[in-house]
Protein backbone atom coordinates (compact mmCIF):
# COMPACT_ATOMS: atom_id res chain seq x y z
CA MET A 1 20.35 64.68 33.10
CA THR A 2 18.40 61.66 34.28
CA GLU A 3 18.93 58.16 32.85
CA ARG A 4 15.44 58.32 31.29
CA GLU A 5 16.33 61.60 29.53
CA ARG A 6 19.60 60.13 28.31
CA ARG A 7 17.81 57.08 26.92
CA GLY A 8 15.19 59.23 25.24
CA ARG A 9 17.81 61.54 23.75
CA ARG A 10 19.79 58.65 22.34
CA GLY A 11 16.64 57.12 20.91
CA ARG A 12 15.73 60.35 19.12
CA ARG A 13 19.24 60.68 17.77
CA GLY A 14 19.20 57.20 16.25
CA ALA A 15 15.83 57.76 14.63
CA SER A 16 16.41 61.23 13.28
CA GLU A 17 19.90 61.27 11.79
CA GLY A 18 18.85 60.07 8.36
CA VAL A 19 19.83 56.43 8.89
CA GLU A 20 19.17 54.46 5.70
CA GLU A 21 16.73 51.61 6.27
CA THR A 22 17.27 48.62 3.98
CA LYS A 23 14.38 46.26 3.41
CA ARG A 24 15.32 42.61 3.78
CA ALA A 25 16.20 40.93 0.49
CA THR A 26 16.23 37.15 0.28
CA SER A 27 17.47 34.71 -2.29
CA TYR A 28 17.36 30.99 -1.73
CA ARG A 29 18.51 29.97 -5.21
CA LYS A 30 22.03 28.80 -4.29
CA LEU A 31 22.14 27.02 -0.93
CA ARG A 32 25.14 25.49 0.79
CA ASN A 33 24.91 23.29 3.86
CA THR A 34 27.11 24.86 6.52
CA PHE A 35 26.35 22.20 9.15
CA ALA A 36 28.88 19.47 9.87
CA PRO A 37 27.35 16.07 8.99
CA GLN A 38 26.44 13.89 11.95
CA GLN A 39 27.31 10.22 12.24
CA ALA A 40 25.07 7.28 13.09
CA PHE A 41 27.88 4.72 12.94
CA SER A 42 31.61 4.59 13.58
CA GLU A 43 33.83 4.68 10.53
CA ASP A 44 34.77 1.01 10.83
CA ARG A 45 31.10 -0.01 10.90
CA VAL A 46 30.37 2.05 7.77
CA ALA A 47 33.23 0.23 6.07
CA ALA A 48 31.78 -3.08 7.27
CA MET A 49 28.34 -2.21 5.88
CA HIS A 50 29.86 -1.28 2.53
CA ASP A 51 31.84 -4.52 2.47
CA THR A 52 28.72 -6.51 3.32
CA ALA A 53 26.80 -4.80 0.51
CA LEU A 54 29.55 -5.83 -1.91
CA ARG A 55 29.30 -9.36 -0.54
CA VAL A 56 25.52 -9.34 -1.10
CA LEU A 57 26.03 -8.39 -4.75
CA GLU A 58 28.90 -10.83 -5.21
CA GLU A 59 27.49 -13.90 -3.43
CA LEU A 60 23.70 -13.44 -3.42
CA GLY A 61 23.20 -11.16 -6.42
CA ILE A 62 20.28 -9.06 -7.57
CA LYS A 63 17.43 -10.16 -9.81
CA VAL A 64 17.34 -8.15 -13.04
CA LEU A 65 14.12 -8.44 -15.05
CA ASN A 66 15.28 -6.40 -18.05
CA GLU A 67 16.91 -8.56 -20.73
CA ASP A 68 19.07 -5.77 -22.17
CA ALA A 69 20.32 -4.87 -18.70
CA ARG A 70 21.26 -8.49 -18.01
CA ALA A 71 23.16 -8.60 -21.30
CA ARG A 72 25.06 -5.43 -20.42
CA PHE A 73 25.93 -6.74 -16.97
CA LYS A 74 27.15 -10.01 -18.49
CA ALA A 75 29.23 -8.24 -21.13
CA ALA A 76 30.91 -6.24 -18.33
CA GLY A 77 31.91 -9.42 -16.51
CA ALA A 78 28.99 -10.13 -14.17
CA THR A 79 27.62 -13.65 -13.73
CA VAL A 80 24.04 -14.12 -14.95
CA ASP A 81 22.10 -17.35 -14.34
CA GLU A 82 18.90 -18.74 -15.81
CA ASP A 83 16.83 -17.26 -12.95
CA TRP A 84 17.93 -13.75 -14.03
CA MET A 85 20.09 -13.38 -10.96
CA VAL A 86 23.08 -11.13 -11.61
CA ARG A 87 26.15 -11.45 -9.40
CA LEU A 88 28.62 -8.59 -9.51
CA ASP A 89 32.32 -8.94 -8.80
CA ARG A 90 33.31 -6.29 -6.29
CA GLY A 91 35.99 -5.05 -8.63
CA LEU A 92 33.29 -4.20 -11.19
CA VAL A 93 31.31 -2.28 -8.56
CA GLU A 94 34.37 -0.47 -7.25
CA GLU A 95 35.28 0.64 -10.77
CA ALA A 96 31.74 1.98 -11.23
CA ILE A 97 32.06 3.96 -8.00
CA ARG A 98 35.36 5.38 -9.24
CA THR A 99 33.89 6.68 -12.52
CA ALA A 100 30.66 8.14 -11.09
CA PRO A 101 30.95 11.94 -10.58
CA SER A 102 31.07 13.35 -7.05
CA HIS A 103 29.44 16.64 -8.06
CA ILE A 104 26.69 17.37 -10.57
CA THR A 105 25.38 20.64 -11.97
CA LEU A 106 21.80 20.37 -13.20
CA TYR A 107 20.84 23.10 -15.68
CA GLY A 108 17.57 24.92 -16.23
CA ALA A 109 16.54 27.61 -18.69
CA GLY A 110 19.09 30.20 -17.54
CA PRO A 111 22.28 30.51 -15.48
CA GLU A 112 20.31 31.44 -12.37
CA ASP A 113 18.41 28.14 -12.62
CA ALA A 114 21.53 25.93 -12.46
CA VAL A 115 21.62 23.74 -9.35
CA GLY A 116 24.77 22.31 -7.79
CA LEU A 117 24.60 18.86 -6.18
CA GLY A 118 27.48 17.53 -4.12
CA GLY A 119 29.92 18.89 -1.58
CA PRO A 120 28.12 21.64 0.37
CA ASP A 121 25.62 22.34 -2.47
CA ILE A 122 22.03 21.30 -1.74
CA ALA A 123 18.62 21.56 -3.41
CA PHE A 124 15.00 21.29 -2.31
CA VAL A 125 12.45 19.45 -4.49
CA GLY A 126 8.69 19.18 -4.06
CA VAL A 127 6.39 16.19 -3.71
CA GLY A 128 6.60 13.63 -6.49
CA GLY A 129 4.36 10.92 -7.88
CA ALA A 130 1.27 11.27 -5.70
CA PRO A 131 -1.89 9.86 -7.33
CA HIS A 132 -4.13 12.24 -5.36
CA ILE A 133 -4.38 15.96 -4.64
CA SER A 134 -6.08 17.60 -1.68
CA ASP A 135 -6.98 21.05 -0.39
CA LEU A 136 -9.26 22.41 2.30
CA ASP A 137 -11.93 23.30 -0.24
CA GLY A 138 -12.26 20.14 -2.33
CA GLY A 139 -10.77 17.47 -0.07
CA LYS A 140 -8.91 14.48 -1.49
CA ARG A 141 -9.46 13.56 -5.14
CA PRO A 142 -7.56 12.06 -8.11
CA GLY A 143 -4.89 14.36 -9.49
CA THR A 144 -5.53 16.17 -12.78
CA MET A 145 -3.34 17.99 -15.27
CA GLU A 146 -4.53 21.31 -13.88
CA ASP A 147 -3.46 20.20 -10.40
CA ALA A 148 -0.05 19.20 -11.74
CA ALA A 149 0.28 22.55 -13.53
CA ASN A 150 -0.67 24.43 -10.35
CA LEU A 151 2.06 22.68 -8.39
CA ILE A 152 4.54 23.50 -11.16
CA ARG A 153 3.46 27.14 -10.88
CA LEU A 154 4.01 27.11 -7.11
CA ALA A 155 7.42 25.44 -7.52
CA GLN A 156 8.40 28.22 -9.93
CA GLU A 157 6.96 30.88 -7.64
CA PHE A 158 9.12 30.05 -4.61
CA ASP A 159 12.87 30.23 -5.14
CA VAL A 160 13.46 27.90 -2.18
CA ILE A 161 12.19 25.12 -4.48
CA HIS A 162 15.08 24.51 -6.86
CA ILE A 163 14.02 21.63 -9.11
CA LEU A 164 10.67 20.57 -10.53
CA ALA A 165 9.08 17.29 -9.48
CA PRO A 166 6.47 14.95 -10.94
CA ASN A 167 4.17 16.23 -8.13
CA VAL A 168 0.82 14.50 -8.91
CA GLU A 169 -0.20 11.99 -11.55
CA PRO A 170 -2.64 13.75 -13.94
CA GLN A 171 -5.12 10.92 -14.21
CA ASP A 172 -7.31 12.80 -16.65
CA VAL A 173 -4.54 12.31 -19.25
CA ASP A 174 -3.87 8.83 -20.68
CA THR A 175 -0.49 7.34 -19.84
CA HIS A 176 0.64 7.10 -23.47
CA ILE A 177 0.46 10.91 -23.82
CA ARG A 178 0.81 12.03 -20.19
CA HIS A 179 4.54 12.67 -20.54
CA TYR A 180 3.90 15.20 -23.33
CA GLU A 181 1.51 17.26 -21.21
CA MET A 182 3.73 17.15 -18.12
CA SER A 183 6.87 18.09 -20.06
CA ARG A 184 5.11 20.92 -21.88
CA ALA A 185 3.80 22.32 -18.60
CA GLN A 186 7.23 22.19 -16.98
CA LEU A 187 8.95 23.81 -19.96
CA THR A 188 6.43 26.63 -20.44
CA LEU A 189 5.39 27.39 -16.84
CA ALA A 190 8.81 27.20 -15.21
CA THR A 191 12.51 27.72 -15.82
CA LYS A 192 13.85 25.21 -13.30
CA PRO A 193 15.29 21.78 -14.23
CA PRO A 194 12.46 19.38 -15.13
CA PHE A 195 11.60 15.81 -14.23
CA VAL A 196 11.23 13.13 -16.91
CA TYR A 197 9.33 9.85 -16.50
CA ALA A 198 11.31 6.60 -16.74
CA ARG A 199 8.48 4.58 -18.26
CA GLY A 200 10.15 3.17 -21.32
CA ARG A 201 12.63 4.34 -23.93
CA PRO A 202 10.09 5.95 -26.31
CA GLN A 203 8.73 8.20 -23.55
CA ALA A 204 12.22 9.18 -22.40
CA LEU A 205 13.34 10.01 -25.94
CA ASP A 206 10.19 12.10 -26.49
CA CYS A 207 10.89 14.14 -23.38
CA PHE A 208 14.57 14.56 -24.22
CA GLU A 209 13.57 15.99 -27.58
CA MET A 210 11.11 18.41 -25.97
CA ILE A 211 13.83 19.66 -23.63
CA ARG A 212 16.21 20.16 -26.54
CA ILE A 213 13.52 22.16 -28.35
CA ALA A 214 12.80 24.31 -25.30
CA ARG A 215 16.45 24.93 -24.41
CA GLY A 216 17.71 25.28 -27.99
CA LEU A 217 20.16 22.38 -27.64
CA SER A 218 21.72 20.07 -30.18
CA PRO A 219 21.82 16.35 -29.28
CA GLU A 220 25.53 16.73 -28.56
CA ALA A 221 25.05 19.72 -26.27
CA PHE A 222 22.21 17.97 -24.45
CA ALA A 223 24.36 14.87 -23.85
CA ALA A 224 27.26 16.99 -22.59
CA ASN A 225 25.43 18.35 -19.51
CA PRO A 226 22.51 17.37 -17.24
CA TYR A 227 19.24 19.13 -18.10
CA CYS A 228 16.67 16.82 -16.49
CA PHE A 229 16.45 13.88 -14.13
CA THR A 230 14.44 10.81 -13.27
CA VAL A 231 13.85 8.68 -10.18
CA ILE A 232 14.71 4.97 -10.20
CA ASN A 233 13.30 2.74 -7.46
CA SER A 234 14.47 -0.81 -6.92
CA ASN A 235 11.93 -3.47 -5.92
CA SER A 236 13.33 -4.31 -2.52
CA PRO A 237 14.57 -6.79 -1.64
CA ARG A 238 17.17 -7.25 -4.43
CA GLN A 239 15.26 -6.74 -7.65
CA LEU A 240 15.43 -4.28 -10.55
CA ASP A 241 12.39 -4.33 -12.82
CA ILE A 242 12.08 -3.72 -16.55
CA PRO A 243 11.21 0.02 -16.73
CA MET A 244 13.64 0.96 -13.95
CA CYS A 245 16.56 -0.79 -15.68
CA GLN A 246 15.51 0.79 -18.96
CA GLY A 247 15.45 4.19 -17.32
CA ILE A 248 18.96 3.78 -15.92
CA MET A 249 20.26 2.81 -19.36
CA ASP A 250 18.36 5.50 -21.30
CA PHE A 251 19.39 8.31 -18.98
CA ALA A 252 23.00 7.14 -18.74
CA GLU A 253 23.27 7.05 -22.53
CA ALA A 254 21.85 10.58 -22.68
CA GLY A 255 24.14 11.87 -19.93
CA GLN A 256 21.19 12.73 -17.69
CA PRO A 257 21.05 12.01 -13.92
CA THR A 258 19.19 9.16 -12.29
CA LEU A 259 18.27 9.19 -8.61
CA ILE A 260 18.75 5.51 -7.82
CA THR A 261 16.64 5.05 -4.71
CA PRO A 262 15.80 1.79 -2.94
CA PHE A 263 12.68 2.15 -0.77
CA THR A 264 13.62 -0.10 2.14
CA LEU A 265 11.20 -0.35 5.04
CA ALA A 266 12.86 -2.03 8.00
CA GLY A 267 10.96 -5.11 9.07
CA ALA A 268 9.07 -5.37 5.77
CA MET A 269 11.22 -5.23 2.61
CA ALA A 270 14.48 -5.04 4.57
CA PRO A 271 16.01 -6.33 7.81
CA VAL A 272 14.36 -4.93 10.91
CA THR A 273 17.59 -3.26 12.08
CA MET A 274 18.58 0.10 10.62
CA ALA A 275 22.09 -1.17 9.89
CA GLY A 276 20.66 -4.14 8.00
CA ALA A 277 18.12 -2.06 6.09
CA LEU A 278 20.78 0.46 5.08
CA THR A 279 23.16 -2.29 4.00
CA LEU A 280 20.52 -3.81 1.71
CA ALA A 281 19.64 -0.37 0.33
CA HIS A 282 23.35 0.30 -0.25
CA ALA A 283 23.70 -2.93 -2.22
CA GLU A 284 20.68 -2.13 -4.39
CA ALA A 285 21.86 1.43 -5.04
CA LEU A 286 25.30 0.14 -6.00
CA ALA A 287 23.76 -2.30 -8.48
CA GLY A 288 21.89 0.52 -10.23
CA LEU A 289 24.93 2.78 -10.13
CA THR A 290 27.04 0.03 -11.68
CA LEU A 291 24.57 -0.45 -14.55
CA ALA A 292 24.69 3.29 -15.29
CA GLN A 293 28.49 3.29 -15.34
CA ILE A 294 28.60 0.17 -17.55
CA VAL A 295 26.43 2.01 -20.08
CA ARG A 296 28.42 5.24 -19.88
CA PRO A 297 31.37 5.70 -17.53
CA GLY A 298 30.96 9.07 -15.83
CA ALA A 299 27.17 9.08 -16.18
CA PRO A 300 25.70 11.31 -13.43
CA VAL A 301 23.90 9.42 -10.68
CA LEU A 302 22.67 10.29 -7.22
CA TYR A 303 22.82 7.82 -4.37
CA GLY A 304 19.23 7.66 -3.21
CA SER A 305 17.96 6.54 0.16
CA PHE A 306 14.47 6.19 1.52
CA THR A 307 14.89 3.94 4.53
CA SER A 308 12.39 4.01 7.36
CA ASN A 309 10.46 1.69 9.63
CA VAL A 310 6.93 0.34 9.53
CA ASP A 311 4.15 0.24 12.07
CA MET A 312 4.59 -3.33 13.23
CA LYS A 313 0.89 -3.51 14.13
CA SER A 314 -0.43 -2.62 10.67
CA GLY A 315 2.57 -2.85 8.35
CA SER A 316 2.04 0.77 7.25
CA PRO A 317 5.12 2.89 6.46
CA ALA A 318 6.17 5.42 9.09
CA PHE A 319 8.05 8.65 8.42
CA GLY A 320 9.67 11.32 10.52
CA THR A 321 10.37 8.73 13.22
CA PRO A 322 13.57 8.49 15.26
CA GLU A 323 14.50 5.53 13.06
CA PHE A 324 13.92 7.59 9.90
CA VAL A 325 16.25 10.31 11.17
CA LYS A 326 18.96 7.88 12.25
CA ALA A 327 18.67 6.05 8.92
CA ALA A 328 19.20 9.37 7.14
CA LEU A 329 22.36 9.99 9.13
CA GLY A 330 23.60 6.51 8.26
CA ALA A 331 22.71 6.82 4.58
CA GLY A 332 24.63 10.08 4.46
CA GLN A 333 27.70 8.31 5.82
CA LEU A 334 27.44 5.57 3.19
CA ALA A 335 27.02 8.14 0.40
CA ARG A 336 30.07 10.06 1.60
CA TYR A 337 32.01 6.79 1.88
CA ILE A 338 31.65 6.29 -1.88
CA ASP A 339 31.70 10.06 -2.60
CA ILE A 340 28.45 10.22 -4.58
CA PRO A 341 25.86 13.04 -4.30
CA TRP A 342 23.09 11.90 -1.98
CA ARG A 343 19.33 12.19 -2.48
CA GLY A 344 17.51 12.19 0.85
CA SER A 345 13.76 12.09 1.43
CA VAL A 346 11.19 14.03 3.41
CA GLY A 347 7.94 12.41 4.47
CA THR A 348 4.99 12.08 6.78
CA ALA A 349 2.34 9.40 7.25
CA SER A 350 -0.28 11.96 8.31
CA ASN A 351 -3.47 12.06 6.27
CA ALA A 352 -3.92 15.82 6.59
CA PRO A 353 -1.77 18.98 6.74
CA ASP A 354 -1.97 18.94 10.52
CA GLU A 355 0.36 18.96 13.51
CA GLN A 356 1.47 15.36 12.87
CA ALA A 357 2.32 16.21 9.27
CA THR A 358 4.36 19.18 10.44
CA TYR A 359 6.43 17.51 13.14
CA GLU A 360 7.08 14.36 11.09
CA THR A 361 8.15 16.46 8.10
CA LEU A 362 10.32 18.66 10.30
CA MET A 363 12.08 15.63 11.79
CA SER A 364 12.65 14.26 8.28
CA MET A 365 14.14 17.59 7.23
CA TRP A 366 16.51 17.57 10.19
CA GLY A 367 17.65 14.10 9.17
CA ASN A 368 18.43 15.46 5.70
CA LEU A 369 20.21 18.55 6.99
CA LEU A 370 22.34 16.82 9.62
CA GLY A 371 22.94 13.82 7.38
CA GLY A 372 24.26 16.05 4.60
CA ALA A 373 21.68 15.29 1.89
CA HIS A 374 22.32 17.16 -1.35
CA TRP A 375 18.82 16.60 -2.75
CA TRP A 376 15.72 16.81 -0.53
CA GLN A 377 13.00 14.88 -2.38
CA HIS A 378 9.31 15.37 -1.44
CA ALA A 379 10.27 18.45 0.59
CA ALA A 380 7.01 20.33 -0.08
CA GLY A 381 3.45 19.05 -0.25
CA TRP A 382 3.74 15.38 0.76
CA ILE A 383 1.11 13.76 3.03
CA GLU A 384 -0.43 10.29 3.48
CA GLY A 385 2.86 8.48 2.89
CA GLY A 386 3.15 9.97 -0.58
CA LEU A 387 -0.31 9.01 -1.77
CA THR A 388 -1.52 12.61 -1.70
CA ALA A 389 -0.10 16.04 -2.50
CA SER A 390 -1.60 18.76 -0.33
CA MET A 391 -1.79 22.36 -1.48
CA GLU A 392 -1.81 23.68 2.08
CA LYS A 393 1.06 21.38 3.09
CA PHE A 394 3.08 22.75 0.16
CA ILE A 395 2.89 26.23 1.70
CA LEU A 396 3.57 24.96 5.23
CA ASP A 397 6.66 23.16 3.94
CA VAL A 398 7.91 26.14 1.95
CA GLU A 399 7.84 28.16 5.16
CA MET A 400 9.91 25.49 6.90
CA LEU A 401 12.33 25.25 3.96
CA GLN A 402 12.84 29.01 3.99
CA ILE A 403 13.61 28.83 7.70
CA PHE A 404 16.13 26.07 7.04
CA ALA A 405 17.63 28.16 4.24
CA GLU A 406 18.02 31.07 6.65
CA THR A 407 19.83 28.86 9.17
CA LEU A 408 22.40 28.07 6.47
CA VAL A 409 23.40 31.73 6.12
CA PRO A 410 26.59 32.26 8.15
CA LEU A 411 26.38 34.76 10.97
CA GLY A 412 28.40 37.94 10.73
CA ALA A 413 30.73 38.72 13.61
CA ASP A 414 32.82 41.76 12.67
CA ASP A 415 33.32 44.44 15.30
CA ASP A 416 30.21 46.32 14.23
CA GLU A 417 28.13 43.13 14.44
CA ILE A 418 29.48 42.37 17.90
CA GLY A 419 28.27 45.85 18.76
CA PHE A 420 30.23 47.25 21.69
CA ASP A 421 29.12 50.78 20.82
CA ALA A 422 25.49 49.67 20.70
CA ILE A 423 25.80 48.06 24.11
CA ALA A 424 27.43 51.22 25.45
CA ASP A 425 24.68 53.36 23.97
CA VAL A 426 21.97 51.84 26.19
CA ALA A 427 21.90 52.40 29.90
CA PRO A 428 21.17 49.49 32.27
CA GLY A 429 17.47 48.73 32.22
CA GLY A 430 17.01 50.49 28.88
CA HIS A 431 16.14 49.10 25.45
CA PHE A 432 17.69 48.83 22.00
CA PHE A 433 14.61 49.57 19.89
CA SER A 434 15.62 53.08 18.85
CA VAL A 435 19.41 53.12 18.93
CA GLU A 436 21.26 53.64 15.65
CA HIS A 437 22.56 50.05 15.62
CA THR A 438 18.94 48.81 15.55
CA MET A 439 17.46 51.56 13.37
CA SER A 440 19.96 50.93 10.58
CA ARG A 441 19.19 47.21 10.55
CA TYR A 442 15.68 46.54 11.77
CA ARG A 443 14.11 46.13 8.34
CA SER A 444 16.57 43.43 7.34
CA ALA A 445 17.75 41.96 10.64
CA PHE A 446 15.35 39.02 10.94
CA TYR A 447 13.54 36.52 8.76
CA GLU A 448 10.00 37.62 7.98
CA PRO A 449 7.62 34.66 7.73
CA MET A 450 5.00 34.49 5.02
CA LEU A 451 2.80 32.12 7.01
CA SER A 452 3.39 32.43 10.75
CA ASP A 453 1.11 34.75 12.73
CA TRP A 454 2.95 36.51 15.56
CA ARG A 455 0.06 38.66 16.80
CA ASN A 456 -1.15 38.28 20.37
CA PHE A 457 -4.22 36.20 21.17
CA GLY A 458 -6.59 39.14 21.19
CA GLN A 459 -5.45 40.45 17.81
CA TRP A 460 -5.44 36.93 16.34
CA THR A 461 -8.98 36.31 17.61
CA GLU A 462 -10.29 39.60 16.25
CA ALA A 463 -8.78 38.72 12.85
CA GLY A 464 -10.73 35.46 12.67
CA SER A 465 -8.60 32.94 14.63
CA GLU A 466 -7.10 31.45 11.49
CA THR A 467 -4.91 28.38 11.85
CA ALA A 468 -1.74 27.92 9.83
CA SER A 469 -3.52 25.57 7.40
CA THR A 470 -6.25 28.14 6.80
CA ARG A 471 -3.68 30.85 6.13
CA ALA A 472 -1.81 28.45 3.83
CA ASN A 473 -5.02 27.90 1.87
CA ARG A 474 -5.33 31.62 1.28
CA ILE A 475 -1.64 31.96 0.34
CA TRP A 476 -1.56 29.27 -2.35
CA LYS A 477 -4.69 30.67 -3.93
CA GLN A 478 -3.27 34.17 -3.99
CA ARG A 479 0.06 33.00 -5.38
CA LEU A 480 -1.67 31.16 -8.21
CA ALA A 481 -3.90 34.15 -8.92
CA ASP A 482 -0.84 36.42 -9.13
CA PHE A 483 1.35 33.95 -11.04
CA VAL A 484 2.95 35.23 -14.21
CA PRO A 485 4.61 32.51 -16.32
CA PRO A 486 8.19 33.12 -17.42
CA PRO A 487 8.57 34.56 -20.91
CA VAL A 488 8.98 31.87 -23.56
CA ASP A 489 9.75 32.54 -27.20
CA PRO A 490 6.50 31.93 -29.15
CA ALA A 491 8.54 30.02 -31.73
CA ILE A 492 9.59 27.56 -29.03
CA VAL A 493 6.01 27.05 -27.88
CA GLU A 494 4.97 26.53 -31.49
CA ALA A 495 7.74 23.96 -32.00
CA LEU A 496 6.80 22.12 -28.80
CA ASP A 497 3.15 22.02 -29.79
CA ALA A 498 4.00 20.80 -33.27
CA PHE A 499 6.16 18.00 -31.84
CA VAL A 500 3.44 16.94 -29.40
CA ALA A 501 0.75 17.04 -32.10
CA ARG A 502 2.85 14.88 -34.40
CA ARG A 503 3.66 12.32 -31.73
CA ARG A 504 0.05 12.14 -30.56
CA GLU A 505 -1.03 11.56 -34.14
CA GLU A 506 1.53 8.75 -34.34
CA GLY A 507 -0.04 7.11 -31.30
CA GLY A 508 2.08 8.50 -28.49
CA ALA A 509 4.31 6.22 -26.43
CA PRO A 510 2.70 3.67 -24.12
CA PRO A 511 4.65 3.05 -20.89
CA VAL A 512 6.70 -0.13 -20.67
CA SER A 513 6.01 -2.56 -17.85
């Protein structure tokens, strides 16, 4: 028998012996980072940065514009002067670090929607807070409530997106009632944990009540576990404004997480060195964390970082740069030093869902992965430095996130996986396409992209020469057309609508500034 006959015989045997073919099944709901975190600094330098941040808070202080927050700081032992500067004894800060939880579980509508944050547990979150929306059909324009709802639908559609985000600002809805429409959309179109605006106590309390209605929770049950979150940004350098302080206090009292995130751009609102920018950001994050723990020891907080550099010619923020990646690695070290779950950021300065947007976003994602970020904010849909949410970019990013999720799945290496028999079954110069080892696995062996086109040039050209952005445009439209909202008890919808109608009739809740 010739080698060709032997190879053919073995191929027929593998294909004809009734081997069961299992189609690939994927679930990206519960992700764990299996990569060892990388370091930007030596351990002694991380300790020095932490010590310097404590010195900044102790000797220089932070300006706190919210009167109630200043009073709470003072009652806890901080020094407050007539210029609203608050100086924190390092013992007060260290006690706050001690009481803040190192792991958080954020709950959605059902058990499958719960998201772990801390340790190896990680979560991906879409774009948040963009004033504009864009797509290949309509270009860039102000965001509307329908745009916000569409992004909520897409976030629900893809299980690699774990938590809802504020995505775009619906500018066709007045700010005193905007939080009602956004909360209703999140609670009726999706099951994942929702975002709540930190724009004053009345708005926060409204949204908390809507979540309790939707989830069937008593005030006590709601306060016992995290069911929503908000984002707190300091005004770098060294300032906490009125609504941000109010948000920290309101969410801490309610037992709900705050992502306390200084936005420090090296050379602009922070020292030009990455170590200096991270030290300032660390000090600001610690100030917010301390306020939360003063209000309620054990209140869930995430250590947020969004440190990057600027274009020194124009002053514009830059993202996905080498400095952005190294800052992410350093921020991860500082977060691990105080053992607090870490919110990282994903970004690009590109104005379109193009090659620049892709490689800057990808570099940002690698910074998050290798830095050990537990929460990847703006991980889908962000362009133009956060000023615009792109529908096509959302799909491009989901593809990248799914690829990252696949890299987190540990490789099997039992004897059958190592495959001595498979190697023996193919003669030198042969192929493995039709052997049993391949035939029993080929449907589930590899990741199948939803966006990438692996056809050769001729086939791709005959099919219309579509670029990735063009294919992404078709995908988001089809996903929205096929979207089926999760089942919601009509009584819950009725109760939500009655609450919103009553509060609108009462005048809503204007944001606090």
